[in-house]
N, C-alpha and C. Protein backbone atom coordinates (compact mmCIF):
# COMPACT_ATOMS: atom_id res chain seq x y z
N UNK A 1 -62.93 -26.44 -29.66
CA UNK A 1 -62.10 -25.65 -28.17
C UNK A 1 -60.80 -26.18 -27.90
N UNK A 2 -59.76 -26.05 -27.95
CA UNK A 2 -58.51 -26.72 -27.72
C UNK A 2 -58.47 -26.89 -25.98
N UNK A 3 -58.08 -27.73 -25.76
CA UNK A 3 -58.07 -27.64 -24.03
C UNK A 3 -56.70 -26.78 -23.93
N UNK A 4 -56.73 -26.37 -22.77
CA UNK A 4 -55.25 -25.29 -22.42
C UNK A 4 -54.76 -25.92 -21.27
N UNK A 5 -53.37 -25.99 -21.19
CA UNK A 5 -53.11 -26.55 -20.55
C UNK A 5 -52.85 -25.60 -18.84
N UNK A 6 -53.17 -26.73 -17.97
CA UNK A 6 -52.92 -26.30 -16.44
C UNK A 6 -51.66 -26.07 -15.86
N UNK A 7 -52.00 -24.20 -15.42
CA UNK A 7 -50.54 -23.89 -15.16
C UNK A 7 -49.92 -25.03 -14.34
N UNK A 8 -50.52 -25.09 -13.17
CA UNK A 8 -50.22 -25.91 -11.88
C UNK A 8 -49.90 -26.97 -12.00
N UNK A 9 -49.75 -28.21 -12.91
CA UNK A 9 -50.02 -29.23 -13.24
C UNK A 9 -48.35 -29.32 -13.33
N UNK A 10 -48.14 -30.64 -12.24
CA UNK A 10 -46.51 -30.74 -12.73
C UNK A 10 -46.11 -31.22 -13.79
N UNK A 11 -44.97 -31.23 -14.47
CA UNK A 11 -44.64 -31.79 -15.43
C UNK A 11 -43.76 -33.13 -14.98
N UNK A 12 -43.81 -34.33 -16.19
CA UNK A 12 -43.32 -35.65 -15.63
C UNK A 12 -41.64 -35.24 -15.79
N UNK A 13 -40.78 -34.51 -17.11
CA UNK A 13 -40.20 -34.35 -17.17
C UNK A 13 -38.96 -33.26 -16.00
N UNK A 14 -38.21 -33.85 -15.74
CA UNK A 14 -37.16 -33.41 -14.49
C UNK A 14 -36.35 -32.59 -14.82
N UNK A 15 -36.33 -31.13 -14.62
CA UNK A 15 -35.27 -30.24 -15.19
C UNK A 15 -33.54 -30.52 -14.53
N UNK A 16 -33.02 -30.49 -15.67
CA UNK A 16 -31.77 -30.83 -14.75
C UNK A 16 -30.71 -29.41 -14.46
N UNK A 17 -30.21 -29.27 -13.74
CA UNK A 17 -28.99 -28.38 -13.08
C UNK A 17 -28.36 -28.41 -13.70
N UNK A 18 -27.26 -27.75 -14.54
CA UNK A 18 -26.06 -27.28 -15.07
C UNK A 18 -24.79 -26.86 -14.25
N UNK A 19 -24.09 -28.12 -14.02
CA UNK A 19 -22.61 -27.51 -12.69
C UNK A 19 -21.86 -26.93 -13.75
N UNK A 20 -21.59 -25.47 -13.16
CA UNK A 20 -20.16 -24.75 -14.05
C UNK A 20 -19.45 -25.66 -13.88
N UNK A 21 -18.22 -25.61 -15.06
CA UNK A 21 -17.23 -26.52 -15.35
C UNK A 21 -16.34 -25.79 -13.86
N UNK A 22 -15.21 -26.91 -13.68
CA UNK A 22 -14.38 -27.10 -12.65
C UNK A 22 -13.20 -26.12 -13.27
N UNK A 23 -12.90 -25.47 -12.80
CA UNK A 23 -11.72 -24.15 -13.05
C UNK A 23 -10.25 -24.92 -13.39
N UNK A 24 -9.84 -25.89 -12.55
CA UNK A 24 -8.60 -26.68 -12.64
C UNK A 24 -8.58 -27.58 -14.15
N UNK A 25 -9.92 -28.13 -14.33
CA UNK A 25 -10.09 -29.07 -14.99
C UNK A 25 -10.05 -28.56 -16.33
N UNK A 26 -10.68 -27.20 -16.35
CA UNK A 26 -10.52 -26.89 -17.90
C UNK A 26 -9.08 -26.05 -18.20
N UNK A 27 -8.51 -25.73 -17.31
CA UNK A 27 -6.93 -25.28 -17.17
C UNK A 27 -5.79 -26.24 -17.37
N UNK A 28 -6.57 -27.22 -17.36
CA UNK A 28 -5.62 -28.60 -16.64
C UNK A 28 -3.98 -28.47 -15.83
N UNK A 29 -4.48 -27.49 -14.64
CA UNK A 29 -3.49 -27.55 -14.03
C UNK A 29 -4.02 -27.82 -11.97
N UNK A 30 -2.98 -28.52 -11.46
CA UNK A 30 -3.47 -29.24 -10.55
C UNK A 30 -4.01 -28.71 -9.07
N UNK A 31 -4.94 -28.55 -8.61
CA UNK A 31 -5.40 -28.39 -7.41
C UNK A 31 -4.35 -27.74 -6.54
N UNK A 32 -4.44 -26.64 -6.01
CA UNK A 32 -3.39 -25.85 -5.38
C UNK A 32 -3.31 -26.46 -4.15
N UNK A 33 -1.41 -26.93 -3.77
CA UNK A 33 -1.34 -28.12 -2.39
C UNK A 33 -1.52 -26.77 -1.13
N UNK A 34 -1.29 -28.00 -0.08
CA UNK A 34 -1.15 -27.28 1.20
C UNK A 34 -0.25 -27.25 1.31
N UNK A 35 0.13 -25.63 1.94
CA UNK A 35 1.95 -25.32 1.94
C UNK A 35 2.46 -26.53 3.21
N UNK A 36 3.58 -26.77 2.74
CA UNK A 36 4.24 -27.10 3.62
C UNK A 36 5.32 -26.35 4.71
N UNK A 37 4.29 -26.64 6.16
CA UNK A 37 5.01 -25.74 6.92
C UNK A 37 6.07 -26.59 8.32
N UNK A 38 6.85 -27.65 7.01
CA UNK A 38 7.59 -28.90 8.19
C UNK A 38 8.72 -27.73 8.42
N UNK A 39 9.17 -27.25 7.74
CA UNK A 39 10.70 -26.20 7.33
C UNK A 39 10.58 -25.28 9.17
N UNK A 40 9.37 -24.49 8.75
CA UNK A 40 9.57 -23.14 9.96
C UNK A 40 9.37 -24.59 11.72
N UNK A 41 8.50 -25.09 11.60
CA UNK A 41 8.57 -26.37 12.60
C UNK A 41 9.90 -26.57 13.28
N UNK A 42 10.56 -27.04 12.50
CA UNK A 42 11.83 -27.61 12.56
C UNK A 42 12.46 -26.46 13.06
N UNK A 43 12.59 -25.37 13.04
CA UNK A 43 13.75 -24.31 13.07
C UNK A 43 12.54 -23.35 14.11
N UNK A 44 11.88 -23.62 14.83
CA UNK A 44 11.30 -22.82 15.34
C UNK A 44 11.67 -22.70 17.10
N UNK A 45 12.70 -23.63 17.25
CA UNK A 45 13.50 -23.44 18.38
C UNK A 45 14.48 -22.11 18.19
N UNK A 46 14.81 -22.00 17.24
CA UNK A 46 16.18 -21.12 16.73
C UNK A 46 15.30 -19.69 16.45
N UNK A 47 14.05 -19.77 16.79
CA UNK A 47 14.04 -17.91 16.60
C UNK A 47 13.42 -17.44 17.92
N UNK A 48 13.79 -15.66 17.93
CA UNK A 48 13.56 -15.49 19.04
C UNK A 48 12.79 -14.10 19.27
N UNK A 49 11.93 -13.74 20.06
CA UNK A 49 11.00 -12.71 20.26
C UNK A 49 11.41 -11.57 21.36
N UNK A 50 11.93 -10.52 21.45
CA UNK A 50 12.03 -9.70 22.29
C UNK A 50 11.33 -8.48 21.97
N UNK A 51 10.44 -8.28 23.44
CA UNK A 51 10.11 -7.24 23.49
C UNK A 51 11.01 -5.77 24.10
N UNK A 52 10.61 -4.33 23.52
CA UNK A 52 11.88 -3.65 24.02
C UNK A 52 12.85 -3.33 23.54
N UNK A 53 13.29 -3.97 22.35
CA UNK A 53 14.35 -3.54 21.94
C UNK A 53 14.42 -2.56 21.17
N UNK A 54 15.69 -1.65 21.24
CA UNK A 54 15.53 -0.01 20.78
C UNK A 54 15.01 -0.36 18.80
N UNK A 55 14.35 0.16 18.34
CA UNK A 55 14.29 -0.08 16.59
C UNK A 55 15.02 0.29 16.50
N UNK A 56 15.95 1.36 16.83
CA UNK A 56 16.96 2.51 15.40
C UNK A 56 18.24 1.12 15.61
N UNK A 57 18.54 0.46 16.57
CA UNK A 57 19.37 -0.43 16.57
C UNK A 57 18.85 -1.99 15.60
N UNK A 58 17.66 -1.95 16.28
CA UNK A 58 17.29 -3.38 15.02
C UNK A 58 16.89 -2.71 12.83
N UNK A 59 16.75 -1.84 12.93
CA UNK A 59 17.19 -1.23 11.65
C UNK A 59 18.74 -0.81 10.92
N UNK A 60 19.30 -0.73 12.07
CA UNK A 60 20.91 -0.54 11.58
C UNK A 60 21.56 -1.94 11.08
N UNK A 61 21.05 -3.38 12.33
CA UNK A 61 21.61 -4.57 12.07
C UNK A 61 20.54 -4.88 10.58
N UNK A 62 19.54 -4.70 10.01
CA UNK A 62 18.47 -4.95 9.01
C UNK A 62 19.50 -4.27 8.23
N UNK A 63 19.62 -3.18 7.98
CA UNK A 63 20.28 -2.53 6.87
C UNK A 63 22.04 -2.85 6.64
N UNK A 64 22.68 -3.63 7.64
CA UNK A 64 24.10 -3.81 7.61
C UNK A 64 23.77 -5.76 6.87
N UNK A 65 22.44 -6.42 7.17
CA UNK A 65 22.59 -7.58 6.90
C UNK A 65 21.86 -6.99 5.38
N UNK A 66 21.11 -5.94 4.62
CA UNK A 66 20.81 -6.19 3.39
C UNK A 66 22.01 -5.85 2.48
N UNK A 67 23.49 -5.00 3.22
CA UNK A 67 24.54 -5.00 2.63
C UNK A 67 25.64 -6.38 2.58
N UNK A 68 25.16 -6.53 3.13
CA UNK A 68 26.11 -8.28 3.07
C UNK A 68 25.38 -9.45 2.39
N UNK A 69 23.95 -9.33 2.41
CA UNK A 69 23.42 -9.97 1.64
C UNK A 69 22.92 -11.40 2.27
N UNK A 70 22.83 -11.28 3.64
CA UNK A 70 22.61 -12.43 5.12
C UNK A 70 21.28 -12.08 6.00
N UNK A 71 20.85 -13.22 6.36
CA UNK A 71 19.81 -12.64 6.90
C UNK A 71 20.50 -11.79 8.34
N UNK A 72 18.82 -11.28 8.82
CA UNK A 72 19.02 -9.69 9.74
C UNK A 72 19.42 -11.22 11.17
N UNK A 73 18.78 -11.96 11.58
CA UNK A 73 19.01 -12.70 12.53
C UNK A 73 20.55 -13.17 12.34
N UNK A 74 21.36 -13.49 11.56
CA UNK A 74 22.26 -14.08 11.91
C UNK A 74 23.76 -12.44 12.09
N UNK A 75 23.47 -11.56 11.63
CA UNK A 75 24.22 -10.41 12.12
C UNK A 75 23.66 -10.08 13.22
N UNK A 76 22.23 -10.07 13.71
CA UNK A 76 22.15 -9.58 15.59
C UNK A 76 22.57 -10.79 16.34
N UNK A 77 22.30 -11.97 15.79
CA UNK A 77 23.64 -13.49 16.50
C UNK A 77 25.10 -12.82 16.83
N UNK A 78 25.30 -12.62 15.85
CA UNK A 78 27.17 -12.45 15.73
C UNK A 78 27.14 -10.94 16.71
N UNK A 79 26.66 -10.01 16.50
CA UNK A 79 27.04 -8.62 17.08
C UNK A 79 26.98 -9.08 18.81
N UNK A 80 25.32 -9.68 18.85
CA UNK A 80 25.19 -10.16 20.33
C UNK A 80 26.31 -11.17 20.97
N UNK A 81 26.64 -12.04 19.97
CA UNK A 81 27.83 -12.75 20.61
C UNK A 81 28.91 -11.83 20.92
N UNK A 82 29.86 -11.32 20.13
CA UNK A 82 30.73 -10.53 19.86
C UNK A 82 30.41 -9.66 21.78
N UNK A 83 28.99 -8.86 21.63
CA UNK A 83 29.45 -8.09 23.34
C UNK A 83 29.21 -9.18 24.32
N UNK A 84 28.63 -10.42 24.06
CA UNK A 84 28.65 -11.39 25.31
C UNK A 84 30.15 -11.60 25.58
N UNK A 85 31.31 -11.54 24.48
CA UNK A 85 32.43 -12.14 24.42
C UNK A 85 32.97 -10.75 25.92
N UNK A 86 32.59 -9.87 25.07
CA UNK A 86 33.15 -8.68 25.76
C UNK A 86 32.41 -8.93 27.06
N UNK A 87 31.73 -8.93 27.70
CA UNK A 87 30.75 -8.85 29.10
C UNK A 87 32.05 -10.09 29.51
N UNK A 88 32.09 -10.80 29.12
CA UNK A 88 33.02 -11.69 30.02
C UNK A 88 34.16 -11.56 30.25
N UNK A 89 34.79 -10.99 29.27
CA UNK A 89 36.21 -10.47 29.71
C UNK A 89 36.37 -8.99 30.44
N UNK A 90 35.18 -8.49 30.11
CA UNK A 90 35.35 -7.19 31.22
C UNK A 90 35.53 -5.82 30.58
N UNK A 91 35.35 -6.03 28.86
CA UNK A 91 35.30 -4.76 27.70
C UNK A 91 34.03 -4.08 28.28
N UNK A 92 33.18 -5.21 28.76
CA UNK A 92 31.57 -4.52 28.53
C UNK A 92 31.07 -4.39 29.71
N UNK A 93 30.71 -3.11 30.63
CA UNK A 93 30.30 -2.86 32.07
C UNK A 93 28.35 -2.59 31.64
N UNK A 94 27.44 -4.01 32.28
CA UNK A 94 26.61 -3.97 32.71
C UNK A 94 26.25 -3.69 33.73
N UNK A 95 25.96 -2.73 34.31
CA UNK A 95 25.82 -1.98 36.03
C UNK A 95 23.96 -1.73 35.98
N UNK A 96 23.38 -2.83 36.76
CA UNK A 96 22.08 -1.88 36.54
C UNK A 96 21.95 -1.31 37.70
N UNK A 97 20.45 -0.71 37.30
CA UNK A 97 20.85 0.01 38.87
C UNK A 97 18.79 0.30 39.48
N UNK A 98 18.58 0.73 40.03
CA UNK A 98 17.30 0.63 40.67
C UNK A 98 16.44 1.22 39.91
N UNK A 99 15.22 1.18 39.75
CA UNK A 99 14.35 1.55 38.77
C UNK A 99 13.25 1.76 39.48
N UNK A 100 12.58 3.56 39.93
CA UNK A 100 11.24 3.19 41.07
C UNK A 100 10.18 3.09 40.57
N UNK A 101 10.39 3.48 38.74
CA UNK A 101 8.39 2.88 38.90
C UNK A 101 8.62 1.37 38.55
N UNK A 102 9.45 0.23 38.39
CA UNK A 102 9.62 -0.71 38.36
C UNK A 102 10.11 -1.83 39.24
N UNK A 103 9.60 -3.06 39.62
CA UNK A 103 10.00 -3.73 40.50
C UNK A 103 11.85 -4.05 40.05
N UNK A 104 12.02 -4.25 38.95
CA UNK A 104 12.96 -4.81 37.61
C UNK A 104 14.30 -3.73 38.20
N UNK A 105 15.80 -4.01 37.34
CA UNK A 105 16.51 -2.82 37.88
C UNK A 105 16.42 -2.59 36.40
N UNK A 106 17.03 -1.45 35.57
CA UNK A 106 17.27 -1.09 34.81
C UNK A 106 18.67 -0.34 34.05
N UNK A 107 19.37 -0.93 33.07
CA UNK A 107 20.58 -0.55 32.99
C UNK A 107 20.32 0.82 31.71
N UNK A 108 19.42 1.59 31.83
CA UNK A 108 19.47 2.82 30.93
C UNK A 108 18.17 3.68 32.26
N UNK A 109 18.87 4.10 33.40
CA UNK A 109 18.41 4.89 34.02
C UNK A 109 18.13 6.55 33.54
N UNK A 110 16.73 7.44 33.54
CA UNK A 110 16.73 8.28 32.93
C UNK A 110 16.12 9.35 33.59
N UNK A 111 16.10 10.45 33.50
CA UNK A 111 15.34 11.52 34.54
C UNK A 111 14.15 11.35 34.81
N UNK A 112 13.51 10.76 33.57
CA UNK A 112 11.82 10.73 34.11
C UNK A 112 11.72 9.75 34.96
N UNK A 113 12.80 8.80 35.21
CA UNK A 113 12.65 7.53 36.35
C UNK A 113 12.44 8.39 37.73
N UNK A 114 12.94 9.33 38.17
CA UNK A 114 13.48 9.77 39.69
C UNK A 114 12.50 10.78 39.63
N UNK A 115 11.48 11.05 38.57
CA UNK A 115 11.08 12.77 38.98
C UNK A 115 9.65 12.14 39.71
N UNK A 116 10.02 13.17 41.21
CA UNK A 116 9.00 13.08 42.09
C UNK A 116 7.45 13.25 41.56
N UNK A 117 6.71 12.50 42.91
CA UNK A 117 5.35 12.34 42.72
C UNK A 117 4.67 13.55 43.25
N UNK A 118 5.09 14.41 44.36
CA UNK A 118 4.06 15.50 44.99
C UNK A 118 3.86 16.35 43.75
N UNK A 119 4.47 16.36 42.80
CA UNK A 119 4.32 17.60 41.88
C UNK A 119 3.67 17.26 40.59
N UNK A 120 2.58 17.47 39.82
CA UNK A 120 1.55 17.11 39.04
C UNK A 120 2.47 16.67 38.05
N UNK A 121 2.35 15.92 36.90
CA UNK A 121 3.08 15.87 35.40
C UNK A 121 2.97 16.78 34.81
N UNK A 122 3.73 17.01 33.67
CA UNK A 122 3.31 18.50 33.16
C UNK A 122 3.11 17.64 31.85
N UNK A 123 1.61 18.37 31.25
CA UNK A 123 1.17 17.72 29.69
C UNK A 123 1.59 18.84 28.89
N UNK A 124 2.14 17.75 27.80
CA UNK A 124 2.84 18.59 26.84
C UNK A 124 1.69 18.36 25.10
N UNK A 125 1.58 18.89 24.89
CA UNK A 125 0.89 19.34 23.30
C UNK A 125 1.60 18.36 22.61
N UNK A 126 2.67 18.00 22.77
CA UNK A 126 2.88 17.24 21.70
C UNK A 126 3.35 15.19 22.08
N UNK A 127 2.58 14.78 21.07
CA UNK A 127 2.86 13.20 20.90
C UNK A 127 3.72 12.76 21.32
N UNK A 128 3.34 11.86 22.82
CA UNK A 128 4.77 11.52 23.65
C UNK A 128 5.37 9.91 22.66
N UNK A 129 6.10 9.61 22.86
CA UNK A 129 7.00 9.10 22.03
C UNK A 129 6.55 7.75 22.37
N UNK A 130 6.00 6.19 21.59
CA UNK A 130 5.70 5.06 21.52
C UNK A 130 6.80 4.48 22.96
N UNK A 131 6.55 3.93 24.41
CA UNK A 131 7.11 3.39 25.09
C UNK A 131 8.03 2.29 24.46
N UNK A 132 9.13 1.84 24.52
CA UNK A 132 10.16 0.75 23.85
C UNK A 132 9.16 -0.55 24.69
N UNK A 133 8.57 -0.66 25.50
CA UNK A 133 8.23 -2.04 25.95
C UNK A 133 7.42 -2.49 24.55
N UNK A 134 6.53 -1.40 23.76
CA UNK A 134 5.64 -2.23 23.01
C UNK A 134 6.09 -2.12 21.50
N UNK A 135 7.68 -2.21 21.36
CA UNK A 135 8.08 -2.43 20.18
C UNK A 135 8.46 -4.15 20.42
N UNK A 136 8.21 -4.96 19.27
CA UNK A 136 8.35 -6.20 19.05
C UNK A 136 9.27 -6.42 18.36
N UNK A 137 10.47 -7.57 18.17
CA UNK A 137 11.56 -7.50 17.35
C UNK A 137 12.04 -8.93 17.28
N UNK A 138 11.45 -9.72 15.90
CA UNK A 138 11.84 -11.09 15.86
C UNK A 138 12.83 -11.21 14.98
N UNK A 139 13.60 -12.48 15.62
CA UNK A 139 14.97 -12.99 15.25
C UNK A 139 14.80 -14.43 14.46
N UNK A 140 15.64 -15.02 13.59
CA UNK A 140 16.00 -16.54 13.47
C UNK A 140 17.42 -16.32 13.65
N UNK A 141 17.68 -17.83 14.03
CA UNK A 141 18.76 -18.36 13.43
C UNK A 141 19.84 -18.14 14.83
N UNK A 142 19.08 -17.80 16.10
CA UNK A 142 19.51 -17.99 17.65
C UNK A 142 19.83 -19.35 18.04
N UNK A 143 20.71 -20.04 18.04
CA UNK A 143 21.05 -21.12 18.94
C UNK A 143 20.28 -21.66 19.94
N UNK A 144 19.64 -22.22 20.36
CA UNK A 144 18.81 -22.41 21.90
C UNK A 144 19.75 -22.24 22.83
N UNK A 145 20.91 -22.79 22.87
CA UNK A 145 22.05 -21.84 24.16
C UNK A 145 22.92 -21.01 24.19
N UNK A 146 22.31 -20.22 23.21
CA UNK A 146 22.45 -18.62 22.82
C UNK A 146 21.20 -17.74 23.71
N UNK A 147 19.94 -18.39 23.55
CA UNK A 147 18.77 -18.08 24.29
C UNK A 147 18.84 -18.18 25.50
N UNK A 148 18.85 -19.41 25.65
CA UNK A 148 19.11 -19.45 27.15
C UNK A 148 19.97 -18.77 27.97
N UNK A 149 21.37 -18.63 27.37
CA UNK A 149 22.44 -17.54 27.90
C UNK A 149 22.00 -16.26 28.42
N UNK A 150 20.77 -15.88 27.07
CA UNK A 150 20.15 -14.66 27.65
C UNK A 150 19.58 -14.38 28.43
N UNK A 151 18.23 -15.28 28.30
CA UNK A 151 17.63 -15.80 29.56
C UNK A 151 18.12 -15.25 30.85
N UNK A 152 19.22 -16.17 31.42
CA UNK A 152 19.61 -16.75 32.36
C UNK A 152 20.70 -15.03 32.82
N UNK A 153 21.20 -13.98 31.73
CA UNK A 153 21.61 -13.42 32.23
C UNK A 153 20.34 -11.82 32.42
N UNK A 154 19.63 -12.12 31.55
CA UNK A 154 18.65 -10.99 32.17
C UNK A 154 17.91 -11.72 33.48
N UNK A 155 17.30 -12.39 33.96
CA UNK A 155 16.47 -13.27 34.79
C UNK A 155 16.63 -12.49 36.89
N UNK A 156 16.13 -13.08 37.38
CA UNK A 156 16.26 -12.38 38.43
C UNK A 156 17.58 -12.82 39.03
N UNK A 157 18.30 -14.24 38.89
CA UNK A 157 19.44 -14.57 39.65
C UNK A 157 20.94 -13.87 39.04
N UNK A 158 20.36 -13.09 37.72
CA UNK A 158 21.10 -12.77 36.55
C UNK A 158 21.42 -10.88 37.21
N UNK A 159 21.11 -10.22 35.66
CA UNK A 159 21.42 -9.06 36.14
C UNK A 159 19.59 -7.98 36.40
N UNK A 160 18.95 -9.28 36.63
CA UNK A 160 17.71 -8.65 37.26
C UNK A 160 16.87 -7.75 36.34
N UNK A 161 17.10 -7.69 34.69
CA UNK A 161 16.64 -6.45 34.11
C UNK A 161 15.74 -7.09 33.08
N UNK A 162 14.88 -6.48 32.04
CA UNK A 162 14.11 -6.40 31.16
C UNK A 162 14.98 -7.05 29.93
N UNK A 163 14.49 -8.19 29.23
CA UNK A 163 15.94 -8.62 28.32
C UNK A 163 15.61 -7.95 27.32
N UNK A 164 14.98 -7.07 26.50
CA UNK A 164 14.77 -5.84 25.83
C UNK A 164 15.77 -4.85 26.13
N UNK A 165 16.17 -4.49 27.45
CA UNK A 165 17.35 -3.81 27.84
C UNK A 165 18.91 -4.57 27.42
N UNK A 166 18.86 -5.67 28.01
CA UNK A 166 20.14 -6.38 27.87
C UNK A 166 20.13 -6.66 26.50
N UNK A 167 19.82 -6.85 25.34
CA UNK A 167 19.98 -7.29 24.20
C UNK A 167 19.77 -5.75 23.51
N UNK A 168 19.59 -4.33 24.21
CA UNK A 168 19.49 -3.45 23.46
C UNK A 168 21.30 -3.01 23.71
N UNK A 169 21.55 -2.96 25.17
CA UNK A 169 22.41 -2.65 25.36
C UNK A 169 24.18 -3.61 24.73
N UNK A 170 23.71 -5.35 24.35
CA UNK A 170 24.59 -5.62 23.85
C UNK A 170 24.46 -5.08 22.39
N UNK A 171 23.70 -4.98 21.96
CA UNK A 171 23.90 -4.31 20.00
C UNK A 171 24.58 -3.59 20.37
N UNK A 172 24.43 -2.34 21.35
CA UNK A 172 24.98 -1.05 21.00
C UNK A 172 26.29 -1.31 21.32
N UNK A 173 26.43 -1.99 22.16
CA UNK A 173 28.35 -2.46 22.46
C UNK A 173 28.68 -2.98 20.91
N UNK A 174 27.95 -3.87 20.24
CA UNK A 174 28.66 -4.44 19.19
C UNK A 174 28.56 -3.94 18.24
N UNK A 175 27.56 -2.84 17.78
CA UNK A 175 27.68 -2.55 17.22
C UNK A 175 28.57 -1.10 16.83
N UNK A 176 28.78 -1.01 18.15
CA UNK A 176 29.96 0.25 18.06
C UNK A 176 31.23 -0.74 17.49
N UNK A 177 31.42 -1.04 18.32
CA UNK A 177 32.86 -2.34 17.59
C UNK A 177 32.65 -2.80 16.28
N UNK A 178 31.63 -3.21 15.83
CA UNK A 178 31.39 -3.09 14.40
C UNK A 178 31.52 -1.78 13.49
N UNK A 179 31.22 -0.63 13.72
CA UNK A 179 31.46 0.96 12.93
C UNK A 179 32.84 1.19 13.06
N UNK A 180 33.67 0.93 14.36
CA UNK A 180 34.70 1.36 14.06
C UNK A 180 36.09 -0.07 13.52
N UNK A 181 35.68 -1.20 13.01
CA UNK A 181 35.75 -2.21 12.49
C UNK A 181 36.73 -3.07 13.67
N UNK A 182 36.11 -2.93 14.80
CA UNK A 182 36.75 -4.23 15.94
C UNK A 182 36.22 -5.29 15.50
N UNK A 183 34.93 -5.59 15.04
CA UNK A 183 33.98 -6.38 15.16
C UNK A 183 34.33 -7.10 13.46
N UNK A 184 34.56 -7.89 12.36
CA UNK A 184 34.32 -7.74 11.35
C UNK A 184 33.31 -8.80 11.13
N UNK A 185 32.46 -8.45 9.60
CA UNK A 185 31.64 -9.86 9.52
C UNK A 185 31.74 -10.05 8.06
N UNK A 186 32.40 -11.48 7.77
CA UNK A 186 32.45 -11.62 6.69
C UNK A 186 31.28 -12.73 6.18
N UNK A 187 30.89 -12.17 5.06
CA UNK A 187 29.52 -13.46 4.39
C UNK A 187 30.71 -14.45 3.70
N UNK A 188 30.07 -15.93 3.67
CA UNK A 188 30.65 -16.82 3.05
C UNK A 188 29.18 -17.28 2.25
N UNK A 189 29.52 -17.69 1.09
CA UNK A 189 28.41 -18.29 -0.15
C UNK A 189 27.96 -20.04 0.54
N UNK A 190 26.18 -19.90 0.93
CA UNK A 190 25.81 -21.22 0.58
C UNK A 190 25.04 -21.01 -0.30
N UNK A 191 24.44 -22.29 -0.63
CA UNK A 191 23.89 -22.47 -1.54
C UNK A 191 22.95 -21.77 -1.50
N UNK A 192 22.67 -21.06 -2.14
CA UNK A 192 21.74 -20.20 -2.31
C UNK A 192 21.38 -18.77 -2.00
N UNK A 193 22.21 -18.02 -0.99
CA UNK A 193 22.58 -17.11 -0.34
C UNK A 193 23.93 -17.26 0.42
N UNK A 194 24.06 -16.12 0.90
CA UNK A 194 25.23 -15.77 2.16
C UNK A 194 24.61 -16.15 3.23
N UNK A 195 25.75 -16.63 4.03
CA UNK A 195 25.95 -16.61 5.94
C UNK A 195 27.19 -16.27 6.10
N UNK A 196 27.25 -15.78 7.50
CA UNK A 196 28.44 -15.17 7.66
C UNK A 196 29.60 -16.23 8.48
N UNK A 197 30.29 -15.83 8.31
CA UNK A 197 31.40 -16.56 9.07
C UNK A 197 31.38 -17.18 10.54
N UNK A 198 32.15 -18.38 11.13
CA UNK A 198 31.45 -18.81 12.20
C UNK A 198 32.43 -17.52 13.49
N UNK A 199 33.74 -17.06 13.13
CA UNK A 199 34.26 -16.35 14.20
C UNK A 199 34.64 -15.11 13.27
N UNK A 200 33.90 -13.77 13.85
CA UNK A 200 33.57 -12.73 13.25
C UNK A 200 34.43 -11.57 13.86
N UNK A 201 35.32 -11.88 14.05
CA UNK A 201 36.48 -11.24 15.25
C UNK A 201 37.57 -10.61 14.28
N UNK A 202 38.11 -9.85 13.70
CA UNK A 202 39.97 -9.84 13.02
C UNK A 202 40.75 -10.75 13.61
């Protein structure tokens, strides 16, 4: 009778595990590189983020930028700089008024801000529009000098208004001038894309 093998005996041969082939070796493709973020780091000081800008005006800026084939930040900057010049020359009047619902002043008083508190608020079945302060607008291409000027104008020592309201008022004035032909935005070709000419006036 033949000797049967014991299933619990350990074998002296060691089984080898076969590793799957590396797809980069089989395709002869270099491993993916880490993305270089140096460009963004260098231009971080030229990025602005504003809360409370009227989204309709932001969309109009984006539409103009699309027509001119330039970045929307450059259009926004040109329009705001034009409005600031108008404010300095007295063509744009920014008169902040007290807002009973906030500590800061407002450039856009509404009937909602002066409602009396002794009567209950009306409940409406319609969904209330989202407050403007929830809207966040981001542009690139603003110089640090322009950013400081806008912040100083909106600060307590300036107009004492939210910066989103100030940007909205400046955009409204500048876009109105653009529509009427007082502000001319001319794209100038640069390597690979267009940019706006430095003097944006006719």
